Amino acid sequence: MQPVHRLALAVLLMLLALPVQAAVKMRPYSGIGVLQLSTIGVTDQIPLYDDPGIARCCKLDINSITSLNGWLFGSEHEPFLLVTAHKGNWLEVELDDAGRTGWVRPERRWSYLPWDQFLKGRLVQFLRNSPKKQMQVVAHPGANDGTALTTRQPMKVIVAQGDWVYVLLNQNSAGWIRWRDSDGRLLVGFSSVPAK
């Protein structure tokens, strides 16, 4: 074997020996709100449409929603979907981490909440893949300098104002954090139940 081929083979073997790390999940787009599904009376699949009521494209498996819910919404009993748009009674929802969407007509037992209503009273934490410069509490919305926070810091949302929420960090500390970035991607994940 020629020296060049030996070197190429050695490099290839070294690359194969490197540990494979799981890809970091993209932070999903926040959209306009959240749809909480009720699994009561729902079979294992929900029909989806390319356009509201016109072109049925596929079915959404209720069990596939849990992968998004697990890291974003905690261990909620009823699954959530992020809502990106609405037309009449129809809601466009994100189907997966890749941002693919489909239209669904909500059933009576399902509950759609715009972000300002969904966020109020919730416990939030920064997602692990949030940019460090965004993970800070500031004195007012839009301020650049604040106190750095970690992904383990739970915060109770008091009020939402655009991309910002006023949070209670503990009994003696409060301030403003961004809950979504300027591109509309989520910076925080949510507890499974609203805080009391």
Protein backbone atom coordinates (compact mmCIF):
# COMPACT_ATOMS: atom_id res chain seq x y z
CA MET A 1 0.00 0.00 0.00
CA GLN A 2 1.32 3.43 -0.93
CA PRO A 3 2.05 5.99 1.85
CA VAL A 4 -0.72 8.34 0.65
CA HIS A 5 -3.30 5.54 0.83
CA ARG A 6 -2.05 4.53 4.29
CA LEU A 7 -2.41 8.11 5.51
CA ALA A 8 -5.93 8.37 4.07
CA LEU A 9 -6.88 5.04 5.66
CA ALA A 10 -5.43 6.16 9.01
CA VAL A 11 -7.40 9.42 8.91
CA LEU A 12 -10.61 7.56 8.02
CA LEU A 13 -10.13 5.12 10.89
CA MET A 14 -9.53 8.01 13.31
CA LEU A 15 -12.73 9.74 12.17
CA LEU A 16 -14.71 6.54 12.61
CA ALA A 17 -13.34 6.16 16.15
CA LEU A 18 -14.62 9.61 17.25
CA PRO A 19 -17.70 9.47 19.49
CA VAL A 20 -20.92 10.29 17.70
CA GLN A 21 -22.86 13.05 19.43
CA ALA A 22 -26.57 13.50 19.04
CA ALA A 23 -27.51 16.51 16.94
CA VAL A 24 -28.64 19.51 18.93
CA LYS A 25 -32.35 20.07 18.44
CA MET A 26 -33.33 23.27 16.71
CA ARG A 27 -35.36 25.59 18.85
CA PRO A 28 -38.83 25.63 17.26
CA TYR A 29 -40.54 28.73 15.93
CA SER A 30 -42.99 30.11 18.46
CA GLY A 31 -45.78 30.97 16.06
CA ILE A 32 -48.87 32.68 17.48
CA GLY A 33 -49.85 30.36 20.32
CA VAL A 34 -50.38 26.83 21.60
CA LEU A 35 -53.04 24.20 20.93
CA GLN A 36 -53.63 21.78 23.78
CA LEU A 37 -55.10 18.54 22.52
CA SER A 38 -57.37 16.26 24.46
CA THR A 39 -56.79 12.61 23.70
CA ILE A 40 -60.28 11.71 24.92
CA GLY A 41 -62.22 10.30 21.98
CA VAL A 42 -59.27 10.75 19.61
CA THR A 43 -57.93 7.75 17.79
CA ASP A 44 -54.20 7.48 17.32
CA GLN A 45 -54.14 9.86 14.33
CA ILE A 46 -55.39 13.37 13.53
CA PRO A 47 -56.12 14.28 9.87
CA LEU A 48 -54.05 17.18 8.52
CA TYR A 49 -54.48 19.37 5.45
CA ASP A 50 -52.14 21.28 3.14
CA ASP A 51 -54.76 24.04 2.99
CA PRO A 52 -57.70 24.50 5.38
CA GLY A 53 -60.36 21.96 4.46
CA ILE A 54 -59.15 21.49 0.87
CA ALA A 55 -56.27 19.09 0.44
CA ARG A 56 -55.86 16.38 3.07
CA CYS A 57 -52.16 15.63 3.18
CA CYS A 58 -51.51 13.21 5.95
CA LYS A 59 -52.30 12.16 9.48
CA LEU A 60 -50.52 13.18 12.65
CA ASP A 61 -49.78 10.36 15.05
CA ILE A 62 -50.63 11.47 18.59
CA ASN A 63 -47.64 9.49 19.91
CA SER A 64 -45.21 11.42 17.66
CA ILE A 65 -46.17 14.67 19.41
CA THR A 66 -44.52 13.47 22.61
CA SER A 67 -41.01 13.96 21.21
CA LEU A 68 -41.63 17.71 20.85
CA ASN A 69 -43.56 17.84 24.10
CA GLY A 70 -40.94 16.04 26.15
CA TRP A 71 -38.20 18.64 25.84
CA LEU A 72 -40.39 21.71 25.31
CA PHE A 73 -43.49 21.23 27.46
CA GLY A 74 -42.33 18.75 30.09
CA SER A 75 -44.36 15.65 30.88
CA GLU A 76 -47.83 17.04 30.29
CA HIS A 77 -50.58 14.42 30.17
CA GLU A 78 -52.31 16.03 27.21
CA PRO A 79 -50.09 16.93 24.21
CA PHE A 80 -49.47 20.44 22.87
CA LEU A 81 -48.87 21.73 19.34
CA LEU A 82 -47.35 25.08 18.41
CA VAL A 83 -49.76 27.14 16.30
CA THR A 84 -48.21 29.17 13.48
CA ALA A 85 -51.32 30.72 11.88
CA HIS A 86 -55.12 30.61 11.78
CA LYS A 87 -57.80 31.01 9.11
CA GLY A 88 -61.36 31.00 10.38
CA ASN A 89 -61.77 27.89 12.53
CA TRP A 90 -58.59 26.27 11.17
CA LEU A 91 -55.16 26.33 12.82
CA GLU A 92 -51.80 25.73 11.18
CA VAL A 93 -49.64 23.65 13.55
CA GLU A 94 -45.99 22.59 13.66
CA LEU A 95 -45.72 18.86 13.14
CA ASP A 96 -42.11 18.21 14.13
CA ASP A 97 -38.75 19.67 15.12
CA ALA A 98 -37.99 20.47 11.47
CA GLY A 99 -40.77 23.07 11.38
CA ARG A 100 -43.08 21.24 8.95
CA THR A 101 -46.67 22.39 9.29
CA GLY A 102 -50.19 21.25 8.50
CA TRP A 103 -53.70 22.58 9.03
CA VAL A 104 -56.10 21.09 11.56
CA ARG A 105 -59.66 21.92 12.54
CA PRO A 106 -59.74 21.92 16.35
CA GLU A 107 -62.23 19.73 18.12
CA ARG A 108 -64.42 21.09 20.91
CA ARG A 109 -62.30 19.50 23.64
CA TRP A 110 -59.10 21.13 22.36
CA SER A 111 -57.96 24.48 23.65
CA TYR A 112 -56.12 27.16 21.65
CA LEU A 113 -54.35 29.86 23.65
CA PRO A 114 -52.45 32.84 22.21
CA TRP A 115 -49.03 33.28 23.78
CA ASP A 116 -49.96 36.11 26.16
CA GLN A 117 -52.64 33.88 27.74
CA PHE A 118 -50.59 30.66 27.69
CA LEU A 119 -47.49 32.23 29.26
CA LYS A 120 -49.16 33.99 32.20
CA GLY A 121 -48.58 32.04 35.41
CA ARG A 122 -46.36 29.38 33.80
CA LEU A 123 -43.02 28.23 35.06
CA VAL A 124 -40.37 28.58 32.34
CA GLN A 125 -36.70 27.70 31.98
CA PHE A 126 -34.23 28.56 29.24
CA LEU A 127 -33.76 25.77 26.72
CA ARG A 128 -30.31 24.14 26.71
CA ASN A 129 -29.53 25.39 23.22
CA SER A 130 -30.53 29.02 23.86
CA PRO A 131 -27.74 31.51 23.11
CA LYS A 132 -25.90 32.52 26.30
CA LYS A 133 -26.28 36.23 25.50
CA GLN A 134 -30.08 35.79 25.54
CA MET A 135 -30.08 33.99 28.91
CA GLN A 136 -30.23 36.99 31.19
CA VAL A 137 -32.72 38.93 33.27
CA VAL A 138 -32.84 42.68 32.66
CA ALA A 139 -34.50 45.70 34.28
CA HIS A 140 -36.76 46.50 31.29
CA PRO A 141 -37.57 45.04 27.85
CA GLY A 142 -34.85 45.77 25.32
CA ALA A 143 -32.07 46.35 27.87
CA ASN A 144 -28.75 44.82 26.84
CA ASP A 145 -27.01 44.36 30.18
CA GLY A 146 -28.46 42.11 32.82
CA THR A 147 -27.76 39.23 35.16
CA ALA A 148 -26.82 35.92 33.52
CA LEU A 149 -29.10 32.95 34.17
CA THR A 150 -28.75 29.21 33.62
CA THR A 151 -31.00 26.64 32.00
CA ARG A 152 -31.81 25.27 35.45
CA GLN A 153 -33.25 28.53 36.78
CA PRO A 154 -37.07 28.18 37.02
CA MET A 155 -38.97 31.43 36.57
CA LYS A 156 -42.66 32.22 37.06
CA VAL A 157 -44.17 34.39 34.33
CA ILE A 158 -46.17 37.31 35.68
CA VAL A 159 -47.02 39.10 32.43
CA ALA A 160 -46.12 38.80 28.73
CA GLN A 161 -45.35 41.79 26.52
CA GLY A 162 -44.37 40.92 22.94
CA ASP A 163 -41.14 38.89 22.94
CA TRP A 164 -40.57 39.66 26.62
CA VAL A 165 -42.01 38.33 29.87
CA TYR A 166 -41.76 39.72 33.37
CA VAL A 167 -40.66 36.86 35.61
CA LEU A 168 -40.34 36.16 39.29
CA LEU A 169 -37.00 34.41 39.91
CA ASN A 170 -37.53 33.93 43.65
CA GLN A 171 -39.30 35.79 46.46
CA ASN A 172 -36.81 38.66 46.31
CA SER A 173 -35.90 38.93 42.63
CA ALA A 174 -37.80 39.70 39.43
CA GLY A 175 -37.10 41.16 36.01
CA TRP A 176 -37.60 40.80 32.26
CA ILE A 177 -36.39 37.99 29.98
CA ARG A 178 -36.85 37.30 26.29
CA TRP A 179 -38.95 34.19 25.79
CA ARG A 180 -38.38 34.10 22.02
CA ASP A 181 -35.56 35.52 19.90
CA SER A 182 -35.80 38.10 17.11
CA ASP A 183 -36.25 35.26 14.57
CA GLY A 184 -39.31 34.00 16.48
CA ARG A 185 -37.62 30.86 17.86
CA LEU A 186 -38.39 29.84 21.43
CA LEU A 187 -35.76 30.53 24.08
CA VAL A 188 -37.68 28.88 26.93
CA GLY A 189 -39.43 25.63 27.69
CA PHE A 190 -42.50 25.31 29.87
CA SER A 191 -43.52 23.38 32.95
CA SER A 192 -46.22 20.79 32.59
CA VAL A 193 -48.75 22.82 34.61
CA PRO A 194 -49.24 26.51 35.27
CA ALA A 195 -47.64 27.74 38.47
CA LYS A 196 -49.91 28.67 41.38
